[in-house]
Amino acid sequence: MAGRVALSTFAALVGAFLVLPILAVIPAAFNASSFIRLPPEAWSVRWWSVFFADPSWRRALFTSLQVATLACGLSVILGTAAALGIARLGGRTRQIALAVFVGPVIVPVIVLAVALYSLARSAGLVGTVTMLAIAHTMLALPYVALNVGVSLAALDPRLAMAATGLGASPARVFRTITLPLIMPGVIGGAVFAFVTSFDEVVLSVFLAGPQVKTLPVRIWEEIRVEYTPLVAVAATIMIGLALAAAAASRLLQRRAA
């Protein structure tokens, strides 16, 4: 009993150590003063009004949502197809293919950013939503492939074989048997892809342009000049979207199950 209490206390302390510094951003967004104070001496939504009244911040938020949505969609399609293909491989070939897809997660992001910047510059795509979406898809793709791969590993292959034996075409087997059963993995991978893209800053700094900036890039530019509650407002929005995506993922996974 004492050991269980000690373990629970230790887990709670570790959780507080990880979460509380992040949650401290939220009250900082409601400072009435021009400088961040914790706790705020006076509470106000002044900086929220400033955020949504500033076209550059609104444009950055819209760009982040646009890029994250595109990267999420591409990652789900390509990652699911990759997971299905990898699941059919065997032995060393499967390990090599899996390592290729996990590569963008292992390689330092700064290295990937320099390489993609060189390619984007030669193609004239620096500062475009298209290049940002492609770059973010490279980072998000492994999460989808791994999540779908876990669902595929738990899938009973006899179900697809039975459907095929009853005359169902491969497309119908995938649509009516495989896809519904791996949907929790697809949903989980989609949420990881969206959040990964929305929070990405290193690639975005290299590939953003004067008119195409994501919210993390706009935050980075702001804190280089001054650290006001306006930055905390943007960070709070990012936290809220991440929590909303996680909650939606949990709900959709339960329904899929």
C-alpha atoms as a PDB file:
ATOM      1  CA  MET A   1       0.000   0.000   0.000  1.00  0.00           C
ATOM      2  CA  ALA A   2       2.778   2.429   0.947  1.00  0.00           C
ATOM      3  CA  GLY A   3       4.654   1.586  -2.248  1.00  0.00           C
ATOM      4  CA  ARG A   4       1.577   2.314  -4.355  1.00  0.00           C
ATOM      5  CA  VAL A   5       1.049   5.669  -2.650  1.00  0.00           C
ATOM      6  CA  ALA A   6       4.715   6.569  -3.134  1.00  0.00           C
ATOM      7  CA  LEU A   7       4.554   5.607  -6.817  1.00  0.00           C
ATOM      8  CA  SER A   8       1.379   7.634  -7.349  1.00  0.00           C
ATOM      9  CA  THR A   9       2.920  10.637  -5.597  1.00  0.00           C
ATOM     10  CA  PHE A  10       6.058  10.399  -7.701  1.00  0.00           C
ATOM     11  CA  ALA A  11       3.996  10.144 -10.897  1.00  0.00           C
ATOM     12  CA  ALA A  12       1.960  13.194  -9.846  1.00  0.00           C
ATOM     13  CA  LEU A  13       5.123  15.204  -9.160  1.00  0.00           C
ATOM     14  CA  VAL A  14       6.603  14.261 -12.539  1.00  0.00           C
ATOM     15  CA  GLY A  15       3.332  15.218 -14.251  1.00  0.00           C
ATOM     16  CA  ALA A  16       3.274  18.562 -12.438  1.00  0.00           C
ATOM     17  CA  PHE A  17       6.901  19.190 -13.395  1.00  0.00           C
ATOM     18  CA  LEU A  18       6.044  18.628 -17.056  1.00  0.00           C
ATOM     19  CA  VAL A  19       2.652  20.309 -17.271  1.00  0.00           C
ATOM     20  CA  LEU A  20       2.671  23.290 -14.892  1.00  0.00           C
ATOM     21  CA  PRO A  21       5.283  25.344 -16.842  1.00  0.00           C
ATOM     22  CA  ILE A  22       3.121  24.929 -19.945  1.00  0.00           C
ATOM     23  CA  LEU A  23      -0.114  25.826 -18.175  1.00  0.00           C
ATOM     24  CA  ALA A  24       1.548  28.939 -16.734  1.00  0.00           C
ATOM     25  CA  VAL A  25       1.252  30.460 -20.201  1.00  0.00           C
ATOM     26  CA  ILE A  26      -2.551  30.596 -19.885  1.00  0.00           C
ATOM     27  CA  PRO A  27      -2.828  33.115 -17.004  1.00  0.00           C
ATOM     28  CA  ALA A  28      -0.012  35.100 -18.623  1.00  0.00           C
ATOM     29  CA  ALA A  29      -2.322  35.695 -21.584  1.00  0.00           C
ATOM     30  CA  PHE A  30      -4.750  37.576 -19.351  1.00  0.00           C
ATOM     31  CA  ASN A  31      -2.323  40.190 -18.029  1.00  0.00           C
ATOM     32  CA  ALA A  32      -3.601  43.741 -18.043  1.00  0.00           C
ATOM     33  CA  SER A  33      -0.095  45.199 -18.113  1.00  0.00           C
ATOM     34  CA  SER A  34       2.305  45.358 -21.034  1.00  0.00           C
ATOM     35  CA  PHE A  35       4.668  42.899 -19.380  1.00  0.00           C
ATOM     36  CA  ILE A  36       4.051  39.307 -18.357  1.00  0.00           C
ATOM     37  CA  ARG A  37       3.572  38.883 -14.621  1.00  0.00           C
ATOM     38  CA  LEU A  38       2.745  35.627 -12.853  1.00  0.00           C
ATOM     39  CA  PRO A  39       0.312  35.732 -11.274  1.00  0.00           C
ATOM     40  CA  PRO A  40      -1.170  38.744 -13.077  1.00  0.00           C
ATOM     41  CA  GLU A  41      -1.616  41.822 -10.922  1.00  0.00           C
ATOM     42  CA  ALA A  42      -4.768  42.640 -12.882  1.00  0.00           C
ATOM     43  CA  TRP A  43      -6.767  40.423 -15.228  1.00  0.00           C
ATOM     44  CA  SER A  44      -7.837  41.574 -18.669  1.00  0.00           C
ATOM     45  CA  VAL A  45      -8.670  40.310 -22.171  1.00  0.00           C
ATOM     46  CA  ARG A  46      -6.943  43.339 -23.651  1.00  0.00           C
ATOM     47  CA  TRP A  47      -4.272  41.321 -25.439  1.00  0.00           C
ATOM     48  CA  TRP A  48      -6.818  38.939 -26.923  1.00  0.00           C
ATOM     49  CA  SER A  49      -8.461  41.904 -28.608  1.00  0.00           C
ATOM     50  CA  VAL A  50      -5.076  43.075 -29.848  1.00  0.00           C
ATOM     51  CA  PHE A  51      -4.307  39.603 -31.227  1.00  0.00           C
ATOM     52  CA  PHE A  52      -7.490  39.259 -33.277  1.00  0.00           C
ATOM     53  CA  ALA A  53      -7.377  42.904 -34.384  1.00  0.00           C
ATOM     54  CA  ASP A  54      -3.872  42.526 -35.826  1.00  0.00           C
ATOM     55  CA  PRO A  55      -3.979  41.271 -39.451  1.00  0.00           C
ATOM     56  CA  SER A  56      -0.500  39.705 -39.206  1.00  0.00           C
ATOM     57  CA  TRP A  57      -1.505  37.509 -36.254  1.00  0.00           C
ATOM     58  CA  ARG A  58      -4.801  36.501 -37.865  1.00  0.00           C
ATOM     59  CA  ARG A  59      -3.010  35.681 -41.109  1.00  0.00           C
ATOM     60  CA  ALA A  60      -0.410  33.587 -39.246  1.00  0.00           C
ATOM     61  CA  LEU A  61      -3.136  31.644 -37.428  1.00  0.00           C
ATOM     62  CA  PHE A  62      -5.009  31.001 -40.681  1.00  0.00           C
ATOM     63  CA  THR A  63      -1.797  29.904 -42.418  1.00  0.00           C
ATOM     64  CA  SER A  64      -0.995  27.463 -39.607  1.00  0.00           C
ATOM     65  CA  LEU A  65      -4.486  25.959 -39.782  1.00  0.00           C
ATOM     66  CA  GLN A  66      -4.274  25.735 -43.577  1.00  0.00           C
ATOM     67  CA  VAL A  67      -0.841  24.100 -43.608  1.00  0.00           C
ATOM     68  CA  ALA A  68      -1.704  21.725 -40.744  1.00  0.00           C
ATOM     69  CA  THR A  69      -4.914  20.633 -42.478  1.00  0.00           C
ATOM     70  CA  LEU A  70      -3.122  19.979 -45.764  1.00  0.00           C
ATOM     71  CA  ALA A  71      -0.258  18.146 -44.041  1.00  0.00           C
ATOM     72  CA  CYS A  72      -2.732  16.090 -42.014  1.00  0.00           C
ATOM     73  CA  GLY A  73      -4.692  15.050 -45.098  1.00  0.00           C
ATOM     74  CA  LEU A  74      -1.588  14.142 -47.090  1.00  0.00           C
ATOM     75  CA  SER A  75      -0.069  12.289 -44.147  1.00  0.00           C
ATOM     76  CA  VAL A  76      -3.203  10.220 -43.559  1.00  0.00           C
ATOM     77  CA  ILE A  77      -3.446   9.172 -47.207  1.00  0.00           C
ATOM     78  CA  LEU A  78       0.255   8.453 -47.720  1.00  0.00           C
ATOM     79  CA  GLY A  79       0.866   7.076 -44.233  1.00  0.00           C
ATOM     80  CA  THR A  80      -2.061   4.657 -44.383  1.00  0.00           C
ATOM     81  CA  ALA A  81      -0.980   3.443 -47.816  1.00  0.00           C
ATOM     82  CA  ALA A  82       2.592   3.048 -46.550  1.00  0.00           C
ATOM     83  CA  ALA A  83       1.467   1.104 -43.484  1.00  0.00           C
ATOM     84  CA  LEU A  84      -0.596  -1.246 -45.654  1.00  0.00           C
ATOM     85  CA  GLY A  85       2.366  -1.809 -47.961  1.00  0.00           C
ATOM     86  CA  ILE A  86       4.862  -2.322 -45.116  1.00  0.00           C
ATOM     87  CA  ALA A  87       2.528  -4.820 -43.440  1.00  0.00           C
ATOM     88  CA  ARG A  88       2.732  -7.031 -46.530  1.00  0.00           C
ATOM     89  CA  LEU A  89       6.519  -7.073 -46.508  1.00  0.00           C
ATOM     90  CA  GLY A  90       8.563  -9.517 -44.522  1.00  0.00           C
ATOM     91  CA  GLY A  91      11.941  -9.944 -42.922  1.00  0.00           C
ATOM     92  CA  ARG A  92      14.714  -7.445 -43.543  1.00  0.00           C
ATOM     93  CA  THR A  93      12.799  -5.673 -46.333  1.00  0.00           C
ATOM     94  CA  ARG A  94      10.101  -4.677 -43.870  1.00  0.00           C
ATOM     95  CA  GLN A  95      12.651  -3.353 -41.387  1.00  0.00           C
ATOM     96  CA  ILE A  96      14.394  -1.282 -44.064  1.00  0.00           C
ATOM     97  CA  ALA A  97      11.095   0.171 -45.312  1.00  0.00           C
ATOM     98  CA  LEU A  98      10.030   1.046 -41.768  1.00  0.00           C
ATOM     99  CA  ALA A  99      13.389   2.704 -41.095  1.00  0.00           C
ATOM    100  CA  VAL A 100      12.971   4.848 -44.222  1.00  0.00           C
ATOM    101  CA  PHE A 101       9.603   6.137 -43.067  1.00  0.00           C
ATOM    102  CA  VAL A 102      10.823   6.785 -39.524  1.00  0.00           C
ATOM    103  CA  GLY A 103      13.894   8.614 -40.849  1.00  0.00           C
ATOM    104  CA  PRO A 104      12.447  12.173 -40.703  1.00  0.00           C
ATOM    105  CA  VAL A 105      11.808  11.700 -36.971  1.00  0.00           C
ATOM    106  CA  ILE A 106      15.366  10.480 -36.286  1.00  0.00           C
ATOM    107  CA  VAL A 107      17.233  13.020 -38.421  1.00  0.00           C
ATOM    108  CA  PRO A 108      17.704  16.402 -36.657  1.00  0.00           C
ATOM    109  CA  VAL A 109      15.063  18.836 -37.885  1.00  0.00           C
ATOM    110  CA  ILE A 110      17.659  21.512 -38.629  1.00  0.00           C
ATOM    111  CA  VAL A 111      19.385  19.167 -41.091  1.00  0.00           C
ATOM    112  CA  LEU A 112      16.088  18.435 -42.810  1.00  0.00           C
ATOM    113  CA  ALA A 113      15.290  22.151 -42.870  1.00  0.00           C
ATOM    114  CA  VAL A 114      18.551  23.074 -44.600  1.00  0.00           C
ATOM    115  CA  ALA A 115      18.060  20.346 -47.206  1.00  0.00           C
ATOM    116  CA  LEU A 116      14.446  21.295 -47.904  1.00  0.00           C
ATOM    117  CA  TYR A 117      15.330  24.975 -48.094  1.00  0.00           C
ATOM    118  CA  SER A 118      17.895  24.235 -50.806  1.00  0.00           C
ATOM    119  CA  LEU A 119      15.323  22.248 -52.786  1.00  0.00           C
ATOM    120  CA  ALA A 120      12.578  24.810 -52.281  1.00  0.00           C
ATOM    121  CA  ARG A 121      14.857  27.671 -53.307  1.00  0.00           C
ATOM    122  CA  SER A 122      15.861  25.949 -56.536  1.00  0.00           C
ATOM    123  CA  ALA A 123      12.202  25.243 -57.310  1.00  0.00           C
ATOM    124  CA  GLY A 124      11.036  28.731 -56.358  1.00  0.00           C
ATOM    125  CA  LEU A 125       8.752  27.448 -53.609  1.00  0.00           C
ATOM    126  CA  VAL A 126      10.201  29.276 -50.598  1.00  0.00           C
ATOM    127  CA  GLY A 127       7.476  31.252 -48.848  1.00  0.00           C
ATOM    128  CA  THR A 128       4.576  29.190 -50.221  1.00  0.00           C
ATOM    129  CA  VAL A 129       1.881  27.201 -48.456  1.00  0.00           C
ATOM    130  CA  THR A 130       2.583  24.309 -50.818  1.00  0.00           C
ATOM    131  CA  MET A 131       6.184  23.885 -49.677  1.00  0.00           C
ATOM    132  CA  LEU A 132       5.280  24.271 -46.020  1.00  0.00           C
ATOM    133  CA  ALA A 133       2.617  21.574 -46.380  1.00  0.00           C
ATOM    134  CA  ILE A 134       5.045  19.222 -48.136  1.00  0.00           C
ATOM    135  CA  ALA A 135       7.732  19.768 -45.497  1.00  0.00           C
ATOM    136  CA  HIS A 136       5.321  19.273 -42.613  1.00  0.00           C
ATOM    137  CA  THR A 137       3.966  16.142 -44.273  1.00  0.00           C
ATOM    138  CA  MET A 138       7.472  14.661 -44.202  1.00  0.00           C
ATOM    139  CA  LEU A 139       7.581  15.168 -40.434  1.00  0.00           C
ATOM    140  CA  ALA A 140       4.029  13.973 -39.792  1.00  0.00           C
ATOM    141  CA  LEU A 141       4.047  10.947 -42.113  1.00  0.00           C
ATOM    142  CA  PRO A 142       5.911   8.593 -39.726  1.00  0.00           C
ATOM    143  CA  TYR A 143       3.359   9.151 -36.963  1.00  0.00           C
ATOM    144  CA  VAL A 144       0.509   8.086 -39.216  1.00  0.00           C
ATOM    145  CA  ALA A 145       2.398   5.082 -40.585  1.00  0.00           C
ATOM    146  CA  LEU A 146       3.333   3.888 -37.091  1.00  0.00           C
ATOM    147  CA  ASN A 147      -0.157   4.363 -35.638  1.00  0.00           C
ATOM    148  CA  VAL A 148      -1.848   2.605 -38.542  1.00  0.00           C
ATOM    149  CA  GLY A 149       0.812  -0.118 -38.413  1.00  0.00           C
ATOM    150  CA  VAL A 150      -0.089  -0.870 -34.799  1.00  0.00           C
ATOM    151  CA  SER A 151      -3.764  -1.215 -35.742  1.00  0.00           C
ATOM    152  CA  LEU A 152      -2.873  -3.453 -38.673  1.00  0.00           C
ATOM    153  CA  ALA A 153      -0.784  -5.703 -36.417  1.00  0.00           C
ATOM    154  CA  ALA A 154      -3.860  -6.296 -34.243  1.00  0.00           C
ATOM    155  CA  LEU A 155      -6.107  -6.996 -37.241  1.00  0.00           C
ATOM    156  CA  ASP A 156      -7.190 -10.600 -37.744  1.00  0.00           C
ATOM    157  CA  PRO A 157      -6.209 -11.462 -41.361  1.00  0.00           C
ATOM    158  CA  ARG A 158      -8.887 -14.164 -41.480  1.00  0.00           C
ATOM    159  CA  LEU A 159     -11.583 -11.486 -41.703  1.00  0.00           C
ATOM    160  CA  ALA A 160     -10.264 -10.168 -45.002  1.00  0.00           C
ATOM    161  CA  MET A 161      -9.719 -13.705 -46.253  1.00  0.00           C
ATOM    162  CA  ALA A 162     -13.318 -14.605 -45.411  1.00  0.00           C
ATOM    163  CA  ALA A 163     -14.640 -11.538 -47.209  1.00  0.00           C
ATOM    164  CA  THR A 164     -12.518 -12.351 -50.246  1.00  0.00           C
ATOM    165  CA  GLY A 165     -13.774 -15.941 -50.196  1.00  0.00           C
ATOM    166  CA  LEU A 166     -17.332 -14.642 -50.265  1.00  0.00           C
ATOM    167  CA  GLY A 167     -16.614 -12.732 -53.465  1.00  0.00           C
ATOM    168  CA  ALA A 168     -15.734  -9.239 -52.215  1.00  0.00           C
ATOM    169  CA  SER A 169     -13.294  -7.280 -54.334  1.00  0.00           C
ATOM    170  CA  PRO A 170     -10.045  -5.961 -52.765  1.00  0.00           C
ATOM    171  CA  ALA A 171     -11.449  -2.429 -52.773  1.00  0.00           C
ATOM    172  CA  ARG A 172     -14.617  -3.548 -50.998  1.00  0.00           C
ATOM    173  CA  VAL A 173     -12.636  -5.581 -48.466  1.00  0.00           C
ATOM    174  CA  PHE A 174     -10.585  -2.516 -47.629  1.00  0.00           C
ATOM    175  CA  ARG A 175     -13.619  -0.232 -47.451  1.00  0.00           C
ATOM    176  CA  THR A 176     -15.864  -2.495 -45.374  1.00  0.00           C
ATOM    177  CA  ILE A 177     -13.418  -4.603 -43.338  1.00  0.00           C
ATOM    178  CA  THR A 178      -9.899  -3.220 -43.101  1.00  0.00           C
ATOM    179  CA  LEU A 179     -10.551   0.532 -42.901  1.00  0.00           C
ATOM    180  CA  PRO A 180     -13.226   0.419 -40.177  1.00  0.00           C
ATOM    181  CA  LEU A 181     -11.046  -1.843 -38.021  1.00  0.00           C
ATOM    182  CA  ILE A 182      -7.903   0.293 -38.356  1.00  0.00           C
ATOM    183  CA  MET A 183      -9.823   3.569 -38.003  1.00  0.00           C
ATOM    184  CA  PRO A 184      -8.625   4.196 -34.405  1.00  0.00           C
ATOM    185  CA  GLY A 185      -5.034   4.107 -35.675  1.00  0.00           C
ATOM    186  CA  VAL A 186      -5.883   6.381 -38.598  1.00  0.00           C
ATOM    187  CA  ILE A 187      -7.562   8.895 -36.277  1.00  0.00           C
ATOM    188  CA  GLY A 188      -4.668   8.822 -33.822  1.00  0.00           C
ATOM    189  CA  GLY A 189      -2.166   9.316 -36.612  1.00  0.00           C
ATOM    190  CA  ALA A 190      -4.207  12.195 -38.040  1.00  0.00           C
ATOM    191  CA  VAL A 191      -4.203  14.009 -34.697  1.00  0.00           C
ATOM    192  CA  PHE A 192      -0.457  13.503 -34.298  1.00  0.00           C
ATOM    193  CA  ALA A 193       0.060  14.802 -37.835  1.00  0.00           C
ATOM    194  CA  PHE A 194      -2.083  17.891 -37.285  1.00  0.00           C
ATOM    195  CA  VAL A 195      -0.471  18.826 -33.972  1.00  0.00           C
ATOM    196  CA  THR A 196       3.041  18.139 -35.300  1.00  0.00           C
ATOM    197  CA  SER A 197       2.455  20.445 -38.252  1.00  0.00           C
ATOM    198  CA  PHE A 198       0.733  23.154 -36.229  1.00  0.00           C
ATOM    199  CA  ASP A 199       3.563  23.295 -33.665  1.00  0.00           C
ATOM    200  CA  GLU A 200       6.499  23.011 -36.076  1.00  0.00           C
ATOM    201  CA  VAL A 201       8.820  26.004 -36.008  1.00  0.00           C
ATOM    202  CA  VAL A 202      12.270  25.031 -37.352  1.00  0.00           C
ATOM    203  CA  LEU A 203      11.154  23.997 -40.837  1.00  0.00           C
ATOM    204  CA  SER A 204       8.694  26.879 -40.926  1.00  0.00           C
ATOM    205  CA  VAL A 205      11.384  29.457 -40.119  1.00  0.00           C
ATOM    206  CA  PHE A 206      13.440  28.262 -43.090  1.00  0.00           C
ATOM    207  CA  LEU A 207      10.557  27.963 -45.545  1.00  0.00           C
ATOM    208  CA  ALA A 208       8.275  30.839 -44.527  1.00  0.00           C
ATOM    209  CA  GLY A 209       8.077  34.083 -46.477  1.00  0.00           C
ATOM    210  CA  PRO A 210       7.001  37.675 -45.821  1.00  0.00           C
ATOM    211  CA  GLN A 211       3.346  36.899 -46.555  1.00  0.00           C
ATOM    212  CA  VAL A 212       3.281  33.225 -45.563  1.00  0.00           C
ATOM    213  CA  LYS A 213       4.142  32.748 -41.901  1.00  0.00           C
ATOM    214  CA  THR A 214       2.825  30.167 -39.501  1.00  0.00           C
ATOM    215  CA  LEU A 215       1.843  31.064 -35.951  1.00  0.00           C
ATOM    216  CA  PRO A 216       5.043  29.609 -34.379  1.00  0.00           C
ATOM    217  CA  VAL A 217       7.133  31.701 -36.794  1.00  0.00           C
ATOM    218  CA  ARG A 218       5.149  34.810 -35.886  1.00  0.00           C
ATOM    219  CA  ILE A 219       5.703  34.060 -32.194  1.00  0.00           C
ATOM    220  CA  TRP A 220       9.436  33.645 -32.821  1.00  0.00           C
ATOM    221  CA  GLU A 221       9.600  37.009 -34.586  1.00  0.00           C
ATOM    222  CA  GLU A 222       7.710  38.684 -31.745  1.00  0.00           C
ATOM    223  CA  ILE A 223       9.857  37.398 -28.878  1.00  0.00           C
ATOM    224  CA  ARG A 224      13.010  38.518 -30.682  1.00  0.00           C
ATOM    225  CA  VAL A 225      11.786  42.091 -30.221  1.00  0.00           C
ATOM    226  CA  GLU A 226       9.788  41.987 -26.973  1.00  0.00           C
ATOM    227  CA  TYR A 227       8.044  39.455 -24.776  1.00  0.00           C
ATOM    228  CA  THR A 228       4.505  40.723 -24.208  1.00  0.00           C
ATOM    229  CA  PRO A 229       1.274  38.953 -23.214  1.00  0.00           C
ATOM    230  CA  LEU A 230       0.469  38.909 -26.939  1.00  0.00           C
ATOM    231  CA  VAL A 231       2.885  35.990 -27.281  1.00  0.00           C
ATOM    232  CA  ALA A 232       1.149  34.225 -24.403  1.00  0.00           C
ATOM    233  CA  VAL A 233      -2.192  34.658 -26.181  1.00  0.00           C
ATOM    234  CA  ALA A 234      -0.820  32.953 -29.297  1.00  0.00           C
ATOM    235  CA  ALA A 235       0.693  30.160 -27.190  1.00  0.00           C
ATOM    236  CA  THR A 236      -2.611  29.684 -25.348  1.00  0.00           C
ATOM    237  CA  ILE A 237      -4.417  29.315 -28.672  1.00  0.00           C
ATOM    238  CA  MET A 238      -1.919  26.654 -29.703  1.00  0.00           C
ATOM    239  CA  ILE A 239      -2.411  24.784 -26.411  1.00  0.00           C
ATOM    240  CA  GLY A 240      -6.187  24.997 -26.779  1.00  0.00           C
ATOM    241  CA  LEU A 241      -6.117  23.620 -30.321  1.00  0.00           C
ATOM    242  CA  ALA A 242      -3.824  20.763 -29.267  1.00  0.00           C
ATOM    243  CA  LEU A 243      -6.138  19.842 -26.374  1.00  0.00           C
ATOM    244  CA  ALA A 244      -9.193  20.084 -28.623  1.00  0.00           C
ATOM    245  CA  ALA A 245      -7.551  17.812 -31.196  1.00  0.00           C
ATOM    246  CA  ALA A 246      -6.675  15.265 -28.495  1.00  0.00           C
ATOM    247  CA  ALA A 247     -10.229  15.326 -27.118  1.00  0.00           C
ATOM    248  CA  ALA A 248     -11.726  14.952 -30.594  1.00  0.00           C
ATOM    249  CA  SER A 249      -9.355  12.068 -31.296  1.00  0.00           C
ATOM    250  CA  ARG A 250     -10.407  10.284 -28.116  1.00  0.00           C
ATOM    251  CA  LEU A 251     -14.093  10.735 -28.925  1.00  0.00           C
ATOM    252  CA  LEU A 252     -13.725   9.556 -32.523  1.00  0.00           C
ATOM    253  CA  GLN A 253     -11.642   6.549 -31.469  1.00  0.00           C
ATOM    254  CA  ARG A 254     -14.329   5.486 -28.999  1.00  0.00           C
ATOM    255  CA  ARG A 255     -16.985   5.769 -31.685  1.00  0.00           C
ATOM    256  CA  ALA A 256     -14.828   3.857 -34.133  1.00  0.00           C
ATOM    257  CA  ALA A 257     -14.234   1.125 -31.560  1.00  0.00           C
END
